[in-house]
Amino acid sequence: MTPASTKENLKREIGVRSLALAIVNITAGSGIFVLPAIIAEGLGATAILAYFVCGLLIFLIGLCFAELGSKTTISGGVYTYIEEAFGPYAGFLANNIYWLGGSAISDAAIANALADTLKYFFPSLSIDIFRMIFLFLVFGILTVLNIRSVKNGIRFVEFATLGKLIPMIILIIVSAQFVVPGNLAWEITPTVSNIGAASLLLFFAFLGLDGPLSNGGEMKNPKRTVPLGIFLGIGIVMILYLSIQLITQGVLGADITAHKDAPLAAVANISLGKAGAIVIIAAAALSMLGALGGELLSIPRILFAGARDGLMPKPLAKVHPIYRTPHIAIIVYASIGFLFAISGGFKQLATIASAALLIIYLGVVLASIKLRKKKNTTTENTFRVPGGVILPLLASAGILWLLSNLTKPELIGIAIFIAVFSLIYLVVKLVKKKTIVLPIIAISLGGSLHAQQPLDKSQLEVQQTIVKTFEALSNGDSVGLKTYCASDVTFFEYGAIWNIDTLINKATAKQAPDFKRIDKFDFINTTIRDNTAWVSYYLESDIIKNGSHGTIRWQETVILVKDKNRWKIKVLHSTNITRK
């Protein structure tokens, strides 16, 4: 019924230092090269207050991520947390807000920041047509790089990471002696309004915390590692960011707003000379290209997986015949990023990206509260946010406060975005119901000896649960298996007894590059009594692997139980009939 596999176990190897460095690496990125001057534009020397606001909020959000992450040993991150807490509709919205609002628009903002930074040497990038050509080349080259090889994409990201932090640290140390104390005097009175607007934009520089904290099942002693790792990681980022802001403000003073495109390069020009400015611009460009390369390496796989699972257009699931990469998904994602990049500037796009991720983070924070009630068990390997629901509620309040600083057009745009994807979800659900259920009914009523009566809604839900389980097995979807199977599920397969861990190990094992499996169900009988269902059917699977094609036919019997309004497989017995 499933292909052979090797056993896979998660090792708890992530300690405090590893978690802290991962947070620093993924958080301290391209935004900080351009944000100091933009933030200072409305706040002056009081801009450092916005950093404390963002630092405190991201710490609270990180604690909620950590609680959820330490309770699971499976991947999935924000999508998994939100879907488990609030259902598939919320998960669908979260997934699309994440990749489109938080990733594609974020990439567009970074690409614009790259163009603004390079204007220091290439003033022609201020002209729309040249800027458009430049952005096309950036997205085009990175697209080709990632299509031709996954290794190329990974090596480029690693190379960019190495050149990111060292120049910033050198700049801080050398430029400290050029700071004019008078430039740090507070001449603008901070208000809730101007701090809120600046913090919403500045939050763009703090995005990415969710990545390292999604590996909860691989952390040593999460009760200690999680809070200390978050505190240390965010602490390092805060020291770095505050130092950059103070140095930039202290050296440039009132002239800081005249260098909104490349404030750190202007500081380097004063403290290190022309050569220093060139190094900082090169580091900024490298950091931004690395961020874009990393996104083009990872996010198209979300589109690929969505198409593979039937949630997105099928062409996105195509794999290049030579390079074995999801080339269509990469091209589509890069094209969307390019279109966003030429439609707006850095500040506008960064604000929208921050808002999109804040909505996702709000979902995660609320999920931590709801799932705590559903899963009220705590072990020595899990982390729990102290203070009950107080800290998650404070994080929620902080997120809502930042979102309240969006302009009316931005709020309307987000509302339209959610409405459009809600409609798409409804259409996809209706289409999938027709494409999956109608063939089942057709087979059942097709005049065979085991013809069933027309199925009611509950019977269709039971049969779809079985279909979805096999889709998860074929697609290596461990989250789907845990969704459609009971935690104590038992499979009787080839004389062996499998549990949920066996299924996940077999499903997630490495497959041949050309592996493909198509399942056809011929349901014999579906009986439901209260919260238990009995189903029998024939299953025929066409399997392509290593260039060969085979067909296997089974007769199977399944017992399902209804758990919190969702059918789950409890027992499955499989008998092999034919193998070709």
Protein backbone atom coordinates (compact mmCIF):
# COMPACT_ATOMS: atom_id res chain seq x y z
CA MET A 1 0.00 0.00 0.00
CA THR A 2 2.93 2.37 0.63
CA PRO A 3 6.42 2.33 -0.78
CA ALA A 4 9.24 0.99 1.30
CA SER A 5 11.09 3.46 3.45
CA THR A 6 13.72 3.96 6.05
CA LYS A 7 13.07 5.01 9.58
CA GLU A 8 13.38 8.72 10.38
CA ASN A 9 13.83 10.07 13.91
CA LEU A 10 14.20 13.68 15.01
CA LYS A 11 17.27 14.38 17.13
CA ARG A 12 17.14 17.10 19.78
CA GLU A 13 20.36 18.92 18.92
CA ILE A 14 19.36 22.62 18.94
CA GLY A 15 20.67 24.32 22.08
CA VAL A 16 20.52 27.89 23.38
CA ARG A 17 23.49 29.08 21.32
CA SER A 18 22.28 27.45 18.10
CA LEU A 19 18.77 28.88 18.48
CA ALA A 20 20.06 32.37 19.31
CA LEU A 21 22.43 32.43 16.32
CA ALA A 22 19.69 31.15 14.01
CA ILE A 23 17.42 33.99 15.15
CA VAL A 24 20.19 36.56 14.61
CA ASN A 25 21.04 35.18 11.18
CA ILE A 26 17.50 35.14 9.82
CA THR A 27 16.29 38.37 11.51
CA ALA A 28 19.22 40.75 11.05
CA GLY A 29 18.90 41.22 7.33
CA SER A 30 18.50 43.64 4.50
CA GLY A 31 15.89 46.01 5.97
CA ILE A 32 18.27 47.52 8.51
CA PHE A 33 20.51 48.88 5.73
CA VAL A 34 17.83 51.39 4.67
CA LEU A 35 15.37 51.75 7.57
CA PRO A 36 17.36 54.01 10.00
CA ALA A 37 16.87 57.12 7.87
CA ILE A 38 13.22 56.37 7.06
CA ILE A 39 12.36 55.80 10.74
CA ALA A 40 14.24 58.96 11.79
CA GLU A 41 12.30 61.02 9.25
CA GLY A 42 9.30 61.32 11.55
CA LEU A 43 10.92 60.69 14.94
CA GLY A 44 14.46 62.06 14.83
CA ALA A 45 16.59 60.81 17.71
CA THR A 46 13.50 59.38 19.45
CA ALA A 47 13.41 56.66 16.75
CA ILE A 48 15.11 54.28 19.19
CA LEU A 49 11.75 53.99 21.01
CA ALA A 50 10.30 52.22 17.97
CA TYR A 51 13.08 49.62 18.25
CA PHE A 52 12.14 48.86 21.87
CA VAL A 53 8.47 48.53 20.88
CA CYS A 54 9.29 46.07 18.08
CA GLY A 55 11.81 44.18 20.20
CA LEU A 56 9.35 43.65 23.07
CA LEU A 57 6.54 42.62 20.71
CA ILE A 58 8.65 40.15 18.74
CA PHE A 59 9.86 38.63 22.03
CA LEU A 60 6.25 38.02 23.16
CA ILE A 61 5.35 36.60 19.73
CA GLY A 62 8.43 34.40 19.83
CA LEU A 63 7.33 32.89 23.14
CA CYS A 64 4.00 31.88 21.60
CA PHE A 65 5.75 30.36 18.57
CA ALA A 66 8.03 28.49 20.91
CA GLU A 67 5.17 27.01 22.95
CA LEU A 68 3.55 25.65 19.81
CA GLY A 69 6.84 24.54 18.28
CA SER A 70 8.00 22.65 21.37
CA LYS A 71 4.82 20.55 21.38
CA THR A 72 5.32 19.11 17.92
CA THR A 73 7.94 17.08 16.14
CA ILE A 74 6.54 17.73 12.69
CA SER A 75 7.16 20.58 10.29
CA GLY A 76 4.59 23.01 9.03
CA GLY A 77 5.05 26.12 11.10
CA VAL A 78 2.41 28.84 10.99
CA TYR A 79 0.10 26.97 8.62
CA THR A 80 0.01 23.91 10.85
CA TYR A 81 -0.59 25.87 14.04
CA ILE A 82 -3.39 28.02 12.66
CA GLU A 83 -5.16 25.21 10.81
CA GLU A 84 -5.10 22.93 13.83
CA ALA A 85 -6.54 25.66 16.04
CA PHE A 86 -9.12 27.25 13.72
CA GLY A 87 -9.70 24.78 10.88
CA PRO A 88 -8.82 24.43 7.17
CA TYR A 89 -10.31 27.79 6.10
CA ALA A 90 -8.08 29.73 8.51
CA GLY A 91 -5.13 27.56 7.46
CA PHE A 92 -5.81 28.29 3.79
CA LEU A 93 -5.91 32.04 4.43
CA ALA A 94 -2.77 31.88 6.57
CA ASN A 95 -0.86 29.98 3.90
CA ASN A 96 -1.75 32.45 1.15
CA ILE A 97 -1.25 35.57 3.29
CA TYR A 98 2.14 34.16 4.21
CA TRP A 99 3.49 33.41 0.75
CA LEU A 100 1.89 36.33 -1.09
CA GLY A 101 1.68 39.12 1.48
CA GLY A 102 4.55 38.19 3.73
CA SER A 103 6.93 36.76 1.13
CA ALA A 104 6.26 37.98 -2.42
CA ILE A 105 5.56 41.57 -1.33
CA SER A 106 8.47 41.40 1.11
CA ASP A 107 10.73 40.33 -1.76
CA ALA A 108 9.43 43.23 -3.84
CA ALA A 109 10.29 45.62 -1.01
CA ILE A 110 13.81 44.17 -0.71
CA ALA A 111 14.32 44.44 -4.49
CA ASN A 112 13.37 48.12 -4.33
CA ALA A 113 15.72 48.63 -1.38
CA LEU A 114 18.48 47.06 -3.49
CA ALA A 115 17.78 49.47 -6.35
CA ASP A 116 17.72 52.43 -3.94
CA THR A 117 21.02 51.36 -2.38
CA LEU A 118 22.77 50.98 -5.73
CA LYS A 119 21.58 54.45 -6.79
CA TYR A 120 24.57 55.64 -4.78
CA PHE A 121 26.71 54.45 -7.69
CA PHE A 122 24.11 54.25 -10.48
CA PRO A 123 21.89 57.36 -10.36
CA SER A 124 20.11 56.16 -13.51
CA LEU A 125 18.20 53.69 -11.31
CA SER A 126 16.03 56.68 -10.37
CA ILE A 127 14.61 56.60 -13.91
CA ASP A 128 11.61 54.27 -14.12
CA ILE A 129 12.59 52.39 -17.28
CA PHE A 130 16.12 51.64 -16.06
CA ARG A 131 14.83 50.66 -12.64
CA MET A 132 12.33 48.29 -14.27
CA ILE A 133 15.06 46.68 -16.38
CA PHE A 134 17.26 46.31 -13.32
CA LEU A 135 14.48 44.66 -11.29
CA PHE A 136 13.71 42.33 -14.21
CA LEU A 137 17.37 41.26 -14.37
CA VAL A 138 17.53 40.67 -10.59
CA PHE A 139 14.47 38.43 -10.52
CA GLY A 140 15.40 36.81 -13.85
CA ILE A 141 18.95 35.85 -12.88
CA LEU A 142 17.88 34.50 -9.49
CA THR A 143 15.10 32.54 -11.19
CA VAL A 144 17.51 30.89 -13.62
CA LEU A 145 19.93 30.18 -10.77
CA ASN A 146 17.26 28.39 -8.72
CA ILE A 147 15.79 26.50 -11.67
CA ARG A 148 19.13 25.11 -12.77
CA SER A 149 20.05 23.70 -9.35
CA VAL A 150 18.92 23.67 -5.75
CA LYS A 151 22.59 23.56 -4.75
CA ASN A 152 23.26 26.80 -6.63
CA GLY A 153 20.53 28.53 -4.66
CA ILE A 154 21.78 27.17 -1.33
CA ARG A 155 25.41 28.12 -2.01
CA PHE A 156 24.43 31.66 -2.96
CA VAL A 157 22.39 32.12 0.23
CA GLU A 158 25.26 30.77 2.36
CA PHE A 159 27.74 33.08 0.65
CA ALA A 160 25.46 36.08 1.19
CA THR A 161 25.02 35.23 4.88
CA LEU A 162 28.79 35.27 5.50
CA GLY A 163 29.13 38.80 4.15
CA LYS A 164 26.19 40.32 6.00
CA LEU A 165 27.06 40.96 9.64
CA ILE A 166 30.83 41.57 9.67
CA PRO A 167 30.77 44.90 7.72
CA MET A 168 27.96 46.23 9.96
CA ILE A 169 29.91 45.41 13.14
CA ILE A 170 33.08 47.03 11.76
CA LEU A 171 31.10 50.12 10.77
CA ILE A 172 29.65 50.45 14.29
CA ILE A 173 33.05 50.16 15.97
CA VAL A 174 34.89 52.56 13.64
CA SER A 175 32.09 55.14 13.36
CA ALA A 176 31.54 55.50 17.12
CA GLN A 177 34.27 58.18 17.32
CA PHE A 178 32.47 60.29 14.70
CA VAL A 179 29.25 60.57 16.71
CA VAL A 180 28.23 64.12 17.65
CA PRO A 181 26.37 63.98 21.01
CA GLY A 182 24.15 66.91 20.02
CA ASN A 183 22.75 64.86 17.13
CA LEU A 184 21.24 62.41 19.65
CA ALA A 185 19.25 65.07 21.52
CA TRP A 186 15.45 64.52 21.48
CA GLU A 187 13.98 67.44 19.55
CA ILE A 188 10.75 65.70 18.53
CA THR A 189 8.18 64.77 21.17
CA PRO A 190 7.23 61.12 20.70
CA THR A 191 3.51 60.32 20.59
CA VAL A 192 1.54 57.10 20.46
CA SER A 193 0.63 57.92 16.85
CA ASN A 194 4.09 58.60 15.42
CA ILE A 195 5.71 55.76 17.41
CA GLY A 196 3.00 53.37 16.17
CA ALA A 197 3.37 54.34 12.50
CA ALA A 198 7.17 54.07 12.68
CA SER A 199 7.02 50.73 14.54
CA LEU A 200 4.71 49.24 11.91
CA LEU A 201 7.30 49.99 9.21
CA LEU A 202 10.28 49.07 11.39
CA PHE A 203 8.74 45.68 12.19
CA PHE A 204 9.81 44.71 8.66
CA ALA A 205 13.38 44.45 10.02
CA PHE A 206 12.25 41.97 12.70
CA LEU A 207 10.48 39.48 10.41
CA GLY A 208 11.63 35.87 10.13
CA LEU A 209 11.52 34.75 13.76
CA ASP A 210 9.01 32.00 12.91
CA GLY A 211 11.60 29.98 10.97
CA PRO A 212 13.99 28.92 13.77
CA LEU A 213 11.13 28.46 16.24
CA SER A 214 9.29 25.93 14.06
CA ASN A 215 11.82 23.22 14.89
CA GLY A 216 10.40 22.53 18.34
CA GLY A 217 10.87 18.77 18.06
CA GLU A 218 14.63 19.19 17.61
CA MET A 219 15.41 21.42 20.61
CA LYS A 220 17.28 20.24 23.68
CA ASN A 221 15.29 20.83 26.87
CA PRO A 222 12.81 23.33 25.33
CA LYS A 223 11.83 24.70 28.76
CA ARG A 224 15.33 26.19 29.03
CA THR A 225 16.43 26.49 25.41
CA VAL A 226 13.39 28.35 24.12
CA PRO A 227 13.18 31.36 26.46
CA LEU A 228 16.95 31.76 26.76
CA GLY A 229 17.51 31.32 23.01
CA ILE A 230 14.81 33.87 22.15
CA PHE A 231 16.00 36.34 24.77
CA LEU A 232 19.63 36.02 23.70
CA GLY A 233 18.88 36.08 19.96
CA ILE A 234 16.56 39.09 20.11
CA GLY A 235 18.93 40.75 22.56
CA ILE A 236 21.80 40.50 20.06
CA VAL A 237 19.57 41.78 17.25
CA MET A 238 18.41 44.68 19.44
CA ILE A 239 22.00 45.65 20.36
CA LEU A 240 22.97 45.53 16.68
CA TYR A 241 19.94 47.52 15.52
CA LEU A 242 20.13 50.13 18.30
CA SER A 243 23.85 50.59 17.65
CA ILE A 244 23.22 51.12 13.95
CA GLN A 245 20.42 53.61 14.61
CA LEU A 246 22.43 55.57 17.20
CA ILE A 247 25.55 55.59 15.04
CA THR A 248 23.61 56.68 11.94
CA GLN A 249 21.71 59.41 13.83
CA GLY A 250 24.79 60.51 15.76
CA VAL A 251 27.02 60.83 12.70
CA LEU A 252 24.55 62.26 10.18
CA GLY A 253 22.32 64.29 12.51
CA ALA A 254 19.69 66.36 10.73
CA ASP A 255 21.13 65.28 7.38
CA ILE A 256 20.03 61.68 7.96
CA THR A 257 16.82 62.15 5.97
CA ALA A 258 18.86 63.27 2.95
CA HIS A 259 20.34 59.76 2.76
CA LYS A 260 17.17 57.64 2.86
CA ASP A 261 18.39 55.39 0.05
CA ALA A 262 21.69 54.36 1.70
CA PRO A 263 22.18 55.85 5.19
CA LEU A 264 24.85 53.36 6.26
CA ALA A 265 26.87 54.09 3.13
CA ALA A 266 26.75 57.79 4.01
CA VAL A 267 28.06 57.00 7.50
CA ALA A 268 30.81 54.78 6.06
CA ASN A 269 31.80 57.54 3.64
CA ILE A 270 32.47 59.82 6.63
CA SER A 271 34.16 57.32 8.93
CA LEU A 272 35.88 55.00 6.45
CA GLY A 273 36.08 57.06 3.28
CA LYS A 274 35.03 56.12 -0.23
CA ALA A 275 36.35 52.58 0.12
CA GLY A 276 34.28 52.07 3.26
CA ALA A 277 31.14 53.26 1.51
CA ILE A 278 31.78 50.80 -1.30
CA VAL A 279 32.21 47.93 1.19
CA ILE A 280 28.96 48.79 3.01
CA ILE A 281 27.01 49.10 -0.24
CA ALA A 282 28.46 45.77 -1.39
CA ALA A 283 27.47 44.17 1.94
CA ALA A 284 23.97 45.65 1.71
CA ALA A 285 23.55 44.49 -1.88
CA LEU A 286 24.85 41.04 -0.99
CA SER A 287 22.49 40.80 1.98
CA MET A 288 19.49 41.82 -0.11
CA LEU A 289 20.37 39.46 -2.94
CA GLY A 290 20.86 36.69 -0.39
CA ALA A 291 17.43 37.36 1.09
CA LEU A 292 15.84 37.30 -2.36
CA GLY A 293 17.74 34.15 -3.30
CA GLY A 294 16.62 32.43 -0.12
CA GLU A 295 12.97 33.29 -0.78
CA LEU A 296 13.16 32.08 -4.38
CA LEU A 297 14.73 28.89 -3.09
CA SER A 298 12.06 28.09 -0.48
CA ILE A 299 8.71 29.84 -1.12
CA PRO A 300 8.04 28.35 -4.61
CA ARG A 301 8.04 24.95 -2.88
CA ILE A 302 4.89 26.12 -1.04
CA LEU A 303 3.22 26.73 -4.41
CA PHE A 304 4.52 23.39 -5.65
CA ALA A 305 3.13 21.56 -2.61
CA GLY A 306 -0.20 23.38 -2.90
CA ALA A 307 -0.55 22.33 -6.54
CA ARG A 308 0.51 18.79 -5.68
CA ASP A 309 -2.24 18.66 -3.05
CA GLY A 310 -4.86 20.09 -5.39
CA LEU A 311 -5.10 23.53 -3.74
CA MET A 312 -3.46 25.42 -6.61
CA PRO A 313 -3.29 25.10 -10.42
CA LYS A 314 -1.76 21.80 -11.50
CA PRO A 315 1.01 23.31 -13.71
CA LEU A 316 2.69 24.62 -10.55
CA ALA A 317 3.41 21.00 -9.58
CA LYS A 318 5.49 20.34 -12.70
CA VAL A 319 9.14 19.38 -12.23
CA HIS A 320 11.81 20.31 -14.78
CA PRO A 321 12.78 17.14 -16.73
CA ILE A 322 16.50 17.92 -16.57
CA TYR A 323 17.13 19.99 -13.41
CA ARG A 324 14.44 18.29 -11.27
CA THR A 325 13.30 21.60 -9.76
CA PRO A 326 9.73 23.06 -9.65
CA HIS A 327 10.48 25.46 -12.50
CA ILE A 328 6.92 26.63 -13.14
CA ALA A 329 6.39 27.48 -9.46
CA ILE A 330 9.71 29.36 -9.36
CA ILE A 331 8.89 31.35 -12.52
CA VAL A 332 5.39 32.21 -11.31
CA TYR A 333 6.59 33.29 -7.87
CA ALA A 334 9.43 35.40 -9.29
CA SER A 335 7.04 37.00 -11.78
CA ILE A 336 4.64 37.96 -8.99
CA GLY A 337 7.52 39.45 -7.01
CA PHE A 338 8.68 41.42 -10.05
CA LEU A 339 5.18 42.81 -10.70
CA PHE A 340 4.88 43.95 -7.09
CA ALA A 341 8.39 45.43 -7.22
CA ILE A 342 7.59 47.70 -10.18
CA SER A 343 4.24 48.73 -8.69
CA GLY A 344 5.48 50.39 -5.49
CA GLY A 345 8.43 51.68 -3.49
CA PHE A 346 10.24 50.17 -0.53
CA LYS A 347 8.35 52.01 2.23
CA GLN A 348 4.89 51.15 0.89
CA LEU A 349 5.72 47.51 0.18
CA ALA A 350 7.56 47.01 3.50
CA THR A 351 4.54 48.35 5.40
CA ILE A 352 2.18 45.95 3.59
CA ALA A 353 4.55 43.02 4.16
CA SER A 354 4.79 43.87 7.87
CA ALA A 355 1.00 44.04 8.12
CA ALA A 356 0.61 40.68 6.38
CA LEU A 357 3.05 38.94 8.73
CA LEU A 358 1.49 40.65 11.75
CA ILE A 359 -1.85 39.10 10.78
CA ILE A 360 -0.16 35.70 10.59
CA TYR A 361 1.56 36.26 13.93
CA LEU A 362 -1.78 37.25 15.47
CA GLY A 363 -3.21 33.94 14.28
CA VAL A 364 -0.31 32.05 15.88
CA VAL A 365 -0.65 33.92 19.18
CA LEU A 366 -4.39 33.18 19.33
CA ALA A 367 -3.69 29.57 18.32
CA SER A 368 -1.34 29.22 21.29
CA ILE A 369 -4.24 30.16 23.57
CA LYS A 370 -6.78 27.87 21.92
CA LEU A 371 -4.51 24.86 21.51
CA ARG A 372 -3.43 25.17 25.14
CA LYS A 373 -7.03 24.41 26.08
CA LYS A 374 -7.23 21.52 23.61
CA LYS A 375 -3.85 20.06 24.60
CA ASN A 376 -3.61 20.56 28.32
CA THR A 377 -0.68 18.18 28.74
CA THR A 378 2.86 19.32 29.45
CA THR A 379 5.99 17.18 29.51
CA GLU A 380 9.58 17.88 30.41
CA ASN A 381 10.33 18.48 26.73
CA THR A 382 7.67 21.15 26.16
CA PHE A 383 7.78 24.87 26.79
CA ARG A 384 4.83 26.84 28.13
CA VAL A 385 4.56 30.63 28.11
CA PRO A 386 4.57 31.74 31.76
CA GLY A 387 1.75 33.80 33.25
CA GLY A 388 -1.16 31.90 31.69
CA VAL A 389 -2.79 33.85 28.87
CA ILE A 390 -1.48 37.26 30.00
CA LEU A 391 1.58 37.40 27.71
CA PRO A 392 -0.28 36.06 24.62
CA LEU A 393 -3.01 38.63 25.22
CA LEU A 394 -0.40 41.39 25.53
CA ALA A 395 1.15 40.21 22.25
CA SER A 396 -2.30 40.25 20.60
CA ALA A 397 -2.94 43.76 21.87
CA GLY A 398 0.44 44.93 20.57
CA ILE A 399 -0.18 43.44 17.13
CA LEU A 400 -3.65 45.01 16.89
CA TRP A 401 -2.20 48.37 17.94
CA LEU A 402 0.42 48.23 15.19
CA LEU A 403 -2.21 47.19 12.62
CA SER A 404 -4.39 50.13 13.68
CA ASN A 405 -1.72 52.41 12.23
CA LEU A 406 -2.46 51.21 8.70
CA THR A 407 -3.98 53.81 6.40
CA LYS A 408 -7.55 53.42 5.17
CA PRO A 409 -6.48 52.34 1.63
CA GLU A 410 -4.13 49.73 3.16
CA LEU A 411 -6.90 48.36 5.38
CA ILE A 412 -9.28 48.19 2.41
CA GLY A 413 -6.61 46.41 0.37
CA ILE A 414 -6.10 43.77 3.07
CA ALA A 415 -9.88 43.29 3.40
CA ILE A 416 -10.19 42.78 -0.38
CA PHE A 417 -7.27 40.32 -0.28
CA ILE A 418 -8.97 38.23 2.42
CA ALA A 419 -12.32 38.39 0.59
CA VAL A 420 -10.76 37.24 -2.71
CA PHE A 421 -8.98 34.28 -1.13
CA SER A 422 -12.11 33.37 0.83
CA LEU A 423 -13.93 33.15 -2.50
CA ILE A 424 -11.08 31.08 -3.96
CA TYR A 425 -11.27 28.72 -0.98
CA LEU A 426 -14.99 28.26 -1.52
CA VAL A 427 -14.54 27.59 -5.24
CA VAL A 428 -11.65 25.16 -4.65
CA LYS A 429 -13.68 23.32 -2.03
CA LEU A 430 -16.65 22.97 -4.37
CA VAL A 431 -14.47 21.85 -7.29
CA LYS A 432 -12.59 19.30 -5.15
CA LYS A 433 -15.88 17.96 -3.84
CA LYS A 434 -17.08 17.39 -7.38
CA THR A 435 -13.82 15.93 -8.69
CA ILE A 436 -13.36 13.54 -5.77
CA VAL A 437 -16.87 12.64 -4.72
CA LEU A 438 -18.67 12.41 -8.05
CA PRO A 439 -16.39 9.65 -9.44
CA ILE A 440 -17.00 7.72 -6.24
CA ILE A 441 -20.75 8.03 -6.68
CA ALA A 442 -20.44 7.10 -10.35
CA ILE A 443 -18.51 3.96 -9.48
CA SER A 444 -20.96 3.10 -6.72
CA LEU A 445 -23.99 3.47 -8.98
CA GLY A 446 -22.38 2.09 -12.13
CA GLY A 447 -24.26 -1.20 -12.18
CA SER A 448 -21.62 -3.38 -10.51
CA LEU A 449 -22.57 -6.21 -8.22
CA HIS A 450 -21.64 -4.16 -5.16
CA ALA A 451 -23.64 -1.06 -6.11
CA GLN A 452 -24.54 1.24 -3.20
CA GLN A 453 -27.53 3.47 -2.66
CA PRO A 454 -26.95 7.25 -3.13
CA LEU A 455 -24.63 8.43 -0.39
CA ASP A 456 -25.57 10.95 2.27
CA LYS A 457 -23.28 13.75 3.50
CA SER A 458 -21.75 11.72 6.35
CA GLN A 459 -20.92 8.80 4.07
CA LEU A 460 -19.23 11.14 1.60
CA GLU A 461 -17.20 12.67 4.43
CA VAL A 462 -16.08 9.21 5.53
CA GLN A 463 -15.00 8.24 2.01
CA GLN A 464 -13.19 11.56 1.50
CA THR A 465 -11.27 10.94 4.73
CA ILE A 466 -9.93 7.70 3.25
CA VAL A 467 -9.09 9.39 -0.07
CA LYS A 468 -7.31 12.24 1.73
CA THR A 469 -5.32 9.78 3.84
CA PHE A 470 -3.92 8.10 0.75
CA GLU A 471 -3.18 11.49 -0.82
CA ALA A 472 -1.16 12.33 2.29
CA LEU A 473 0.69 9.00 2.04
CA SER A 474 1.54 9.58 -1.62
CA ASN A 475 2.61 13.19 -1.07
CA GLY A 476 4.71 12.62 2.05
CA ASP A 477 2.35 14.84 4.04
CA SER A 478 2.87 13.99 7.72
CA VAL A 479 0.51 16.76 8.82
CA GLY A 480 -2.26 15.30 6.65
CA LEU A 481 -1.70 11.84 8.10
CA LYS A 482 -2.08 13.18 11.63
CA THR A 483 -5.21 15.03 10.52
CA TYR A 484 -6.99 12.03 8.98
CA CYS A 485 -5.71 9.23 11.23
CA ALA A 486 -6.35 8.69 14.92
CA SER A 487 -3.31 8.99 17.16
CA ASP A 488 -3.60 5.26 17.99
CA VAL A 489 -4.34 4.17 14.42
CA THR A 490 -3.41 0.60 13.45
CA PHE A 491 -2.70 -0.59 9.89
CA PHE A 492 -2.53 -4.34 9.21
CA GLU A 493 -0.30 -4.45 6.16
CA TYR A 494 1.49 -7.46 4.61
CA GLY A 495 1.34 -9.32 7.92
CA ALA A 496 2.90 -6.36 9.77
CA ILE A 497 1.30 -3.94 12.21
CA TRP A 498 1.88 -0.22 11.58
CA ASN A 499 1.15 2.75 13.86
CA ILE A 500 1.10 6.48 13.10
CA ASP A 501 4.88 6.76 13.40
CA THR A 502 5.35 3.92 10.91
CA LEU A 503 3.03 5.64 8.44
CA ILE A 504 4.82 8.97 8.77
CA ASN A 505 8.25 7.35 8.39
CA LYS A 506 7.16 5.55 5.24
CA ALA A 507 5.37 8.57 3.80
CA THR A 508 8.26 10.99 4.36
CA ALA A 509 11.01 8.64 3.18
CA LYS A 510 13.04 9.79 0.21
CA GLN A 511 11.42 8.72 -3.06
CA ALA A 512 12.73 8.33 -6.59
CA PRO A 513 12.78 11.66 -8.51
CA ASP A 514 10.10 10.44 -10.93
CA PHE A 515 7.90 8.84 -8.25
CA LYS A 516 4.19 9.22 -8.93
CA ARG A 517 1.19 7.34 -7.58
CA ILE A 518 -2.41 7.53 -8.78
CA ASP A 519 -5.08 5.85 -6.63
CA LYS A 520 -8.50 4.70 -7.86
CA PHE A 521 -11.15 3.76 -5.31
CA ASP A 522 -14.08 1.42 -5.91
CA PHE A 523 -16.15 1.63 -2.72
CA ILE A 524 -18.20 -1.46 -1.86
CA ASN A 525 -19.96 -0.49 1.33
CA THR A 526 -20.05 2.48 3.73
CA THR A 527 -21.94 2.02 6.99
CA ILE A 528 -22.21 4.56 9.80
CA ARG A 529 -23.57 4.03 13.29
CA ASP A 530 -23.31 6.98 15.70
CA ASN A 531 -19.60 7.97 15.78
CA THR A 532 -18.23 4.83 14.11
CA ALA A 533 -18.02 4.00 10.40
CA TRP A 534 -17.17 0.75 8.55
CA VAL A 535 -15.97 0.96 4.94
CA SER A 536 -14.87 -1.67 2.42
CA TYR A 537 -13.48 -0.94 -1.03
CA TYR A 538 -11.09 -1.96 -3.78
CA LEU A 539 -7.99 0.20 -4.26
CA GLU A 540 -6.02 0.19 -7.50
CA SER A 541 -2.73 2.11 -7.51
CA ASP A 542 -0.70 3.00 -10.61
CA ILE A 543 2.88 3.60 -9.48
CA ILE A 544 5.71 5.10 -11.53
CA LYS A 545 9.17 4.73 -10.01
CA ASN A 546 12.70 4.75 -11.49
CA GLY A 547 11.31 4.72 -15.01
CA SER A 548 9.13 1.64 -14.48
CA HIS A 549 5.35 1.42 -14.20
CA GLY A 550 3.38 -0.97 -12.01
CA THR A 551 -0.19 -1.53 -10.89
CA ILE A 552 -1.20 -2.96 -7.52
CA ARG A 553 -4.74 -3.86 -6.44
CA TRP A 554 -5.89 -4.28 -2.84
CA GLN A 555 -9.09 -5.10 -1.04
CA GLU A 556 -9.28 -3.07 2.17
CA THR A 557 -11.54 -2.66 5.19
CA VAL A 558 -11.44 0.46 7.35
CA ILE A 559 -12.95 1.43 10.70
CA LEU A 560 -13.24 5.18 11.35
CA VAL A 561 -14.24 7.11 14.46
CA LYS A 562 -15.58 10.64 14.72
CA ASP A 563 -13.39 12.85 16.89
CA LYS A 564 -14.47 16.49 17.42
CA ASN A 565 -16.62 16.51 14.28
CA ARG A 566 -13.85 15.04 12.10
CA TRP A 567 -13.66 11.44 10.86
CA LYS A 568 -10.35 9.69 11.53
CA ILE A 569 -9.12 6.24 10.52
CA LYS A 570 -8.82 3.95 13.53
CA VAL A 571 -8.09 0.58 11.90
CA LEU A 572 -7.21 -0.42 8.32
CA HIS A 573 -6.77 -3.98 7.08
CA SER A 574 -5.26 -4.45 3.62
CA THR A 575 -5.16 -7.58 1.44
CA ASN A 576 -3.07 -7.57 -1.73
CA ILE A 577 -5.01 -9.03 -4.68
CA THR A 578 -2.81 -8.46 -7.74
CA ARG A 579 0.52 -6.86 -8.58
CA LYS A 580 1.63 -6.13 -12.15
